Amino acid sequence: MNDAAELEAALQFVIRRIDEEAVRSGEPLTEEQRFLLEHLPTEPLSPETYFVDPECPPLVTARDFDYEKLCALAKAAHRQDLQVNPSDRNWLLARAVTGLHKHPMSWLLGWARVKLRRPRWDGCLLVIAALVAIILWMVLMFVGLETHMWFRWPIAAAGAAALIAVMRIGMRWLEESQLRRSIETYRSK
């Protein structure tokens, strides 16, 4: 199955289950809620949409009750599916697929508490990355000891910027590969 078809299947599964849960709860989705579910916003509203003058305080925004209802329905449907069949991996597969494609449905599934398991070594990787960053920073600082004091800081700053960029790219690659492995695992079960 190609990526687009897999994403569409995951979206249809989640939409169908939320719709079924709404009917089961006795409060079917309204047309607005159904439209919101099928057309989730792709990015949060920026502060510029609320006010123009930087000296004016931002307007208080109302809660989005429709979105909250969709999250609650997804959470209830997920719980019910786990009670009926604890080995069901459809929700986890949907979360992994939507997360891999950076689809807004992954946000809704996150609010609904559909959580992917992280590898056990994930915490260790974070500590190792921090140690590598500190050690490389120190090395860059000591490299400049033989040069003038003013020249040491640009070297360290450039090295730190390069290290941050490499670590960010590496973490994106690692997250994507973990999601792909999760998809393969959930698909095979």
C-alpha atoms as a PDB file:
ATOM      1  CA  MET A   1       0.000   0.000   0.000  1.00  0.00           C
ATOM      2  CA  ASN A   2       1.425   3.376  -0.957  1.00  0.00           C
ATOM      3  CA  ASP A   3       1.714   6.235   1.513  1.00  0.00           C
ATOM      4  CA  ALA A   4      -1.270   8.224   0.238  1.00  0.00           C
ATOM      5  CA  ALA A   5      -3.577   5.203   0.336  1.00  0.00           C
ATOM      6  CA  GLU A   6      -2.322   4.278   3.791  1.00  0.00           C
ATOM      7  CA  LEU A   7      -2.954   7.804   5.077  1.00  0.00           C
ATOM      8  CA  GLU A   8      -6.428   7.832   3.553  1.00  0.00           C
ATOM      9  CA  ALA A   9      -7.237   4.451   5.135  1.00  0.00           C
ATOM     10  CA  ALA A  10      -6.057   5.674   8.548  1.00  0.00           C
ATOM     11  CA  LEU A  11      -8.096   8.877   8.257  1.00  0.00           C
ATOM     12  CA  GLN A  12     -11.211   6.990   7.185  1.00  0.00           C
ATOM     13  CA  PHE A  13     -10.805   4.561  10.109  1.00  0.00           C
ATOM     14  CA  VAL A  14     -10.579   7.375  12.657  1.00  0.00           C
ATOM     15  CA  ILE A  15     -13.438   9.364  11.108  1.00  0.00           C
ATOM     16  CA  ARG A  16     -15.644   6.263  10.935  1.00  0.00           C
ATOM     17  CA  ARG A  17     -14.934   5.282  14.552  1.00  0.00           C
ATOM     18  CA  ILE A  18     -15.553   8.829  15.851  1.00  0.00           C
ATOM     19  CA  ASP A  19     -18.795   8.977  13.874  1.00  0.00           C
ATOM     20  CA  GLU A  20     -19.879   5.568  15.242  1.00  0.00           C
ATOM     21  CA  GLU A  21     -19.031   6.637  18.797  1.00  0.00           C
ATOM     22  CA  ALA A  22     -21.058   9.820  18.390  1.00  0.00           C
ATOM     23  CA  VAL A  23     -24.085   7.818  17.240  1.00  0.00           C
ATOM     24  CA  ARG A  24     -23.579   5.314  20.073  1.00  0.00           C
ATOM     25  CA  SER A  25     -23.417   8.139  22.625  1.00  0.00           C
ATOM     26  CA  GLY A  26     -26.789   9.441  21.442  1.00  0.00           C
ATOM     27  CA  GLU A  27     -25.422  12.723  20.073  1.00  0.00           C
ATOM     28  CA  PRO A  28     -24.566  12.280  16.376  1.00  0.00           C
ATOM     29  CA  LEU A  29     -22.112  14.690  14.818  1.00  0.00           C
ATOM     30  CA  THR A  30     -23.552  17.903  13.443  1.00  0.00           C
ATOM     31  CA  GLU A  31     -22.669  18.996   9.933  1.00  0.00           C
ATOM     32  CA  GLU A  32     -20.176  21.527  11.342  1.00  0.00           C
ATOM     33  CA  GLN A  33     -18.492  18.893  13.496  1.00  0.00           C
ATOM     34  CA  ARG A  34     -18.343  16.439  10.609  1.00  0.00           C
ATOM     35  CA  PHE A  35     -16.842  19.145   8.377  1.00  0.00           C
ATOM     36  CA  LEU A  36     -14.284  20.008  11.073  1.00  0.00           C
ATOM     37  CA  LEU A  37     -13.360  16.340  11.444  1.00  0.00           C
ATOM     38  CA  GLU A  38     -12.817  15.939   7.713  1.00  0.00           C
ATOM     39  CA  HIS A  39     -11.022  19.313   7.326  1.00  0.00           C
ATOM     40  CA  LEU A  40      -8.928  19.811  10.441  1.00  0.00           C
ATOM     41  CA  PRO A  41      -6.880  23.030  10.544  1.00  0.00           C
ATOM     42  CA  THR A  42      -3.331  22.490   9.383  1.00  0.00           C
ATOM     43  CA  GLU A  43      -1.761  25.024  11.731  1.00  0.00           C
ATOM     44  CA  PRO A  44      -2.770  26.904  14.839  1.00  0.00           C
ATOM     45  CA  LEU A  45      -3.951  30.447  14.442  1.00  0.00           C
ATOM     46  CA  SER A  46      -1.141  32.934  14.762  1.00  0.00           C
ATOM     47  CA  PRO A  47      -1.366  35.867  17.189  1.00  0.00           C
ATOM     48  CA  GLU A  48      -1.475  38.257  14.224  1.00  0.00           C
ATOM     49  CA  THR A  49      -4.982  37.022  13.443  1.00  0.00           C
ATOM     50  CA  TYR A  50      -6.183  38.277  16.806  1.00  0.00           C
ATOM     51  CA  PHE A  51      -4.671  41.749  16.953  1.00  0.00           C
ATOM     52  CA  VAL A  52      -2.761  44.136  14.757  1.00  0.00           C
ATOM     53  CA  ASP A  53      -1.298  46.622  17.219  1.00  0.00           C
ATOM     54  CA  PRO A  54       1.560  45.098  19.247  1.00  0.00           C
ATOM     55  CA  GLU A  55       0.703  47.384  22.169  1.00  0.00           C
ATOM     56  CA  CYS A  56      -2.857  46.029  22.404  1.00  0.00           C
ATOM     57  CA  PRO A  57      -3.339  42.850  24.388  1.00  0.00           C
ATOM     58  CA  PRO A  58      -4.467  39.771  22.474  1.00  0.00           C
ATOM     59  CA  LEU A  59      -8.140  38.958  22.456  1.00  0.00           C
ATOM     60  CA  VAL A  60      -9.276  36.057  24.557  1.00  0.00           C
ATOM     61  CA  THR A  61     -10.333  33.249  22.292  1.00  0.00           C
ATOM     62  CA  ALA A  62     -13.278  31.033  23.009  1.00  0.00           C
ATOM     63  CA  ARG A  63     -12.869  27.333  23.504  1.00  0.00           C
ATOM     64  CA  ASP A  64     -13.557  25.188  20.499  1.00  0.00           C
ATOM     65  CA  PHE A  65     -16.283  22.927  21.862  1.00  0.00           C
ATOM     66  CA  ASP A  66     -16.653  21.058  18.567  1.00  0.00           C
ATOM     67  CA  TYR A  67     -12.970  20.114  18.548  1.00  0.00           C
ATOM     68  CA  GLU A  68     -13.140  19.139  22.216  1.00  0.00           C
ATOM     69  CA  LYS A  69     -16.131  16.916  21.471  1.00  0.00           C
ATOM     70  CA  LEU A  70     -14.247  15.233  18.618  1.00  0.00           C
ATOM     71  CA  CYS A  71     -11.294  14.576  20.951  1.00  0.00           C
ATOM     72  CA  ALA A  72     -13.589  13.140  23.626  1.00  0.00           C
ATOM     73  CA  LEU A  73     -15.337  10.924  21.075  1.00  0.00           C
ATOM     74  CA  ALA A  74     -12.004   9.664  19.734  1.00  0.00           C
ATOM     75  CA  LYS A  75     -10.853   8.923  23.281  1.00  0.00           C
ATOM     76  CA  ALA A  76     -14.074   7.046  24.077  1.00  0.00           C
ATOM     77  CA  ALA A  77     -13.943   5.074  20.818  1.00  0.00           C
ATOM     78  CA  HIS A  78     -10.309   4.156  21.465  1.00  0.00           C
ATOM     79  CA  ARG A  79     -11.127   2.983  25.001  1.00  0.00           C
ATOM     80  CA  GLN A  80     -14.072   0.950  23.778  1.00  0.00           C
ATOM     81  CA  ASP A  81     -11.991  -0.713  21.071  1.00  0.00           C
ATOM     82  CA  LEU A  82      -9.343  -1.608  23.661  1.00  0.00           C
ATOM     83  CA  GLN A  83     -11.972  -3.101  25.968  1.00  0.00           C
ATOM     84  CA  VAL A  84     -13.444  -5.192  23.171  1.00  0.00           C
ATOM     85  CA  ASN A  85     -10.088  -6.249  21.736  1.00  0.00           C
ATOM     86  CA  PRO A  86      -6.955  -5.303  23.745  1.00  0.00           C
ATOM     87  CA  SER A  87      -4.669  -6.464  20.930  1.00  0.00           C
ATOM     88  CA  ASP A  88      -6.298  -4.103  18.384  1.00  0.00           C
ATOM     89  CA  ARG A  89      -3.585  -1.940  16.804  1.00  0.00           C
ATOM     90  CA  ASN A  90      -5.717   0.115  14.400  1.00  0.00           C
ATOM     91  CA  TRP A  91      -5.592   3.260  16.549  1.00  0.00           C
ATOM     92  CA  LEU A  92      -1.838   2.993  16.975  1.00  0.00           C
ATOM     93  CA  LEU A  93      -1.413   2.444  13.246  1.00  0.00           C
ATOM     94  CA  ALA A  94      -3.575   5.500  12.535  1.00  0.00           C
ATOM     95  CA  ARG A  95      -1.545   7.601  14.973  1.00  0.00           C
ATOM     96  CA  ALA A  96       1.756   6.458  13.438  1.00  0.00           C
ATOM     97  CA  VAL A  97       0.591   7.035   9.850  1.00  0.00           C
ATOM     98  CA  THR A  98      -0.878  10.473  10.539  1.00  0.00           C
ATOM     99  CA  GLY A  99       2.206  11.409  12.561  1.00  0.00           C
ATOM    100  CA  LEU A 100       4.525  10.324   9.758  1.00  0.00           C
ATOM    101  CA  HIS A 101       2.609  12.464   7.277  1.00  0.00           C
ATOM    102  CA  LYS A 102       2.317  15.339   9.778  1.00  0.00           C
ATOM    103  CA  HIS A 103      -1.447  15.346   9.334  1.00  0.00           C
ATOM    104  CA  PRO A 104      -3.520  17.357  11.842  1.00  0.00           C
ATOM    105  CA  MET A 105      -5.424  14.177  12.739  1.00  0.00           C
ATOM    106  CA  SER A 106      -2.327  13.128  14.695  1.00  0.00           C
ATOM    107  CA  TRP A 107      -2.915  16.146  16.974  1.00  0.00           C
ATOM    108  CA  LEU A 108      -6.491  15.045  17.581  1.00  0.00           C
ATOM    109  CA  LEU A 109      -5.314  11.504  18.328  1.00  0.00           C
ATOM    110  CA  GLY A 110      -2.728  12.911  20.720  1.00  0.00           C
ATOM    111  CA  TRP A 111      -5.423  14.826  22.596  1.00  0.00           C
ATOM    112  CA  ALA A 112      -7.454  11.603  22.625  1.00  0.00           C
ATOM    113  CA  ARG A 113      -4.526   9.901  24.435  1.00  0.00           C
ATOM    114  CA  VAL A 114      -3.611   7.499  21.641  1.00  0.00           C
ATOM    115  CA  LYS A 115       0.059   7.162  22.491  1.00  0.00           C
ATOM    116  CA  LEU A 116       2.759   5.343  20.584  1.00  0.00           C
ATOM    117  CA  ARG A 117       5.313   3.442  22.577  1.00  0.00           C
ATOM    118  CA  ARG A 118       8.748   4.943  22.502  1.00  0.00           C
ATOM    119  CA  PRO A 119      11.761   2.683  22.308  1.00  0.00           C
ATOM    120  CA  ARG A 120      13.354   1.916  25.665  1.00  0.00           C
ATOM    121  CA  TRP A 121      16.606   3.475  24.554  1.00  0.00           C
ATOM    122  CA  ASP A 122      14.945   6.804  23.723  1.00  0.00           C
ATOM    123  CA  GLY A 123      15.778   8.359  27.116  1.00  0.00           C
ATOM    124  CA  CYS A 124      19.369   7.138  26.896  1.00  0.00           C
ATOM    125  CA  LEU A 125      19.657   8.677  23.441  1.00  0.00           C
ATOM    126  CA  LEU A 126      18.592  12.036  24.848  1.00  0.00           C
ATOM    127  CA  VAL A 127      21.266  11.879  27.566  1.00  0.00           C
ATOM    128  CA  ILE A 128      23.927  10.820  25.047  1.00  0.00           C
ATOM    129  CA  ALA A 129      22.960  13.665  22.690  1.00  0.00           C
ATOM    130  CA  ALA A 130      23.253  16.171  25.542  1.00  0.00           C
ATOM    131  CA  LEU A 131      26.675  14.798  26.519  1.00  0.00           C
ATOM    132  CA  VAL A 132      27.891  14.939  22.919  1.00  0.00           C
ATOM    133  CA  ALA A 133      26.725  18.551  22.654  1.00  0.00           C
ATOM    134  CA  ILE A 134      28.509  19.534  25.871  1.00  0.00           C
ATOM    135  CA  ILE A 135      31.724  17.707  24.942  1.00  0.00           C
ATOM    136  CA  LEU A 136      31.810  19.227  21.455  1.00  0.00           C
ATOM    137  CA  TRP A 137      31.173  22.690  22.900  1.00  0.00           C
ATOM    138  CA  MET A 138      34.101  22.214  25.296  1.00  0.00           C
ATOM    139  CA  VAL A 139      36.343  20.969  22.489  1.00  0.00           C
ATOM    140  CA  LEU A 140      35.482  24.003  20.390  1.00  0.00           C
ATOM    141  CA  MET A 141      36.257  26.277  23.323  1.00  0.00           C
ATOM    142  CA  PHE A 142      39.664  24.646  23.924  1.00  0.00           C
ATOM    143  CA  VAL A 143      40.565  24.736  20.237  1.00  0.00           C
ATOM    144  CA  GLY A 144      40.479  28.497  20.473  1.00  0.00           C
ATOM    145  CA  LEU A 145      42.793  28.683  23.514  1.00  0.00           C
ATOM    146  CA  GLU A 146      45.858  29.147  21.368  1.00  0.00           C
ATOM    147  CA  THR A 147      44.192  31.871  19.335  1.00  0.00           C
ATOM    148  CA  HIS A 148      43.125  35.257  20.555  1.00  0.00           C
ATOM    149  CA  MET A 149      40.284  35.398  23.026  1.00  0.00           C
ATOM    150  CA  TRP A 150      37.956  37.244  20.617  1.00  0.00           C
ATOM    151  CA  PHE A 151      38.390  34.531  17.960  1.00  0.00           C
ATOM    152  CA  ARG A 152      37.378  31.668  20.287  1.00  0.00           C
ATOM    153  CA  TRP A 153      33.746  32.778  20.634  1.00  0.00           C
ATOM    154  CA  PRO A 154      32.904  32.835  16.890  1.00  0.00           C
ATOM    155  CA  ILE A 155      34.412  29.357  16.514  1.00  0.00           C
ATOM    156  CA  ALA A 156      32.374  28.050  19.433  1.00  0.00           C
ATOM    157  CA  ALA A 157      29.199  29.761  18.216  1.00  0.00           C
ATOM    158  CA  ALA A 158      29.590  28.402  14.662  1.00  0.00           C
ATOM    159  CA  GLY A 159      30.281  24.938  16.021  1.00  0.00           C
ATOM    160  CA  ALA A 160      27.270  25.082  18.310  1.00  0.00           C
ATOM    161  CA  ALA A 161      25.018  26.239  15.454  1.00  0.00           C
ATOM    162  CA  ALA A 162      26.286  23.424  13.224  1.00  0.00           C
ATOM    163  CA  LEU A 163      25.824  20.900  16.034  1.00  0.00           C
ATOM    164  CA  ILE A 164      22.251  22.043  16.659  1.00  0.00           C
ATOM    165  CA  ALA A 165      21.437  21.815  12.949  1.00  0.00           C
ATOM    166  CA  VAL A 166      22.918  18.326  12.645  1.00  0.00           C
ATOM    167  CA  MET A 167      21.133  17.139  15.789  1.00  0.00           C
ATOM    168  CA  ARG A 168      17.805  18.556  14.559  1.00  0.00           C
ATOM    169  CA  ILE A 169      18.140  16.817  11.198  1.00  0.00           C
ATOM    170  CA  GLY A 170      19.211  13.625  12.935  1.00  0.00           C
ATOM    171  CA  MET A 171      16.261  13.713  15.321  1.00  0.00           C
ATOM    172  CA  ARG A 172      13.821  14.246  12.451  1.00  0.00           C
ATOM    173  CA  TRP A 173      15.331  11.292  10.621  1.00  0.00           C
ATOM    174  CA  LEU A 174      15.223   9.159  13.778  1.00  0.00           C
ATOM    175  CA  GLU A 175      11.600  10.065  14.504  1.00  0.00           C
ATOM    176  CA  GLU A 176      10.579   9.276  10.941  1.00  0.00           C
ATOM    177  CA  SER A 177      12.355   5.924  10.989  1.00  0.00           C
ATOM    178  CA  GLN A 178      10.725   5.056  14.335  1.00  0.00           C
ATOM    179  CA  LEU A 179       7.303   5.896  12.918  1.00  0.00           C
ATOM    180  CA  ARG A 180       7.976   3.753   9.836  1.00  0.00           C
ATOM    181  CA  ARG A 181       9.022   0.844  12.070  1.00  0.00           C
ATOM    182  CA  SER A 182       5.904   1.347  14.188  1.00  0.00           C
ATOM    183  CA  ILE A 183       3.733   1.280  11.072  1.00  0.00           C
ATOM    184  CA  GLU A 184       5.340  -1.966   9.925  1.00  0.00           C
ATOM    185  CA  THR A 185       4.893  -3.477  13.398  1.00  0.00           C
ATOM    186  CA  TYR A 186       1.238  -2.465  13.726  1.00  0.00           C
ATOM    187  CA  ARG A 187       0.458  -3.463  10.161  1.00  0.00           C
ATOM    188  CA  SER A 188       1.891  -6.953  10.619  1.00  0.00           C
ATOM    189  CA  LYS A 189      -0.138  -7.736  13.766  1.00  0.00           C
END
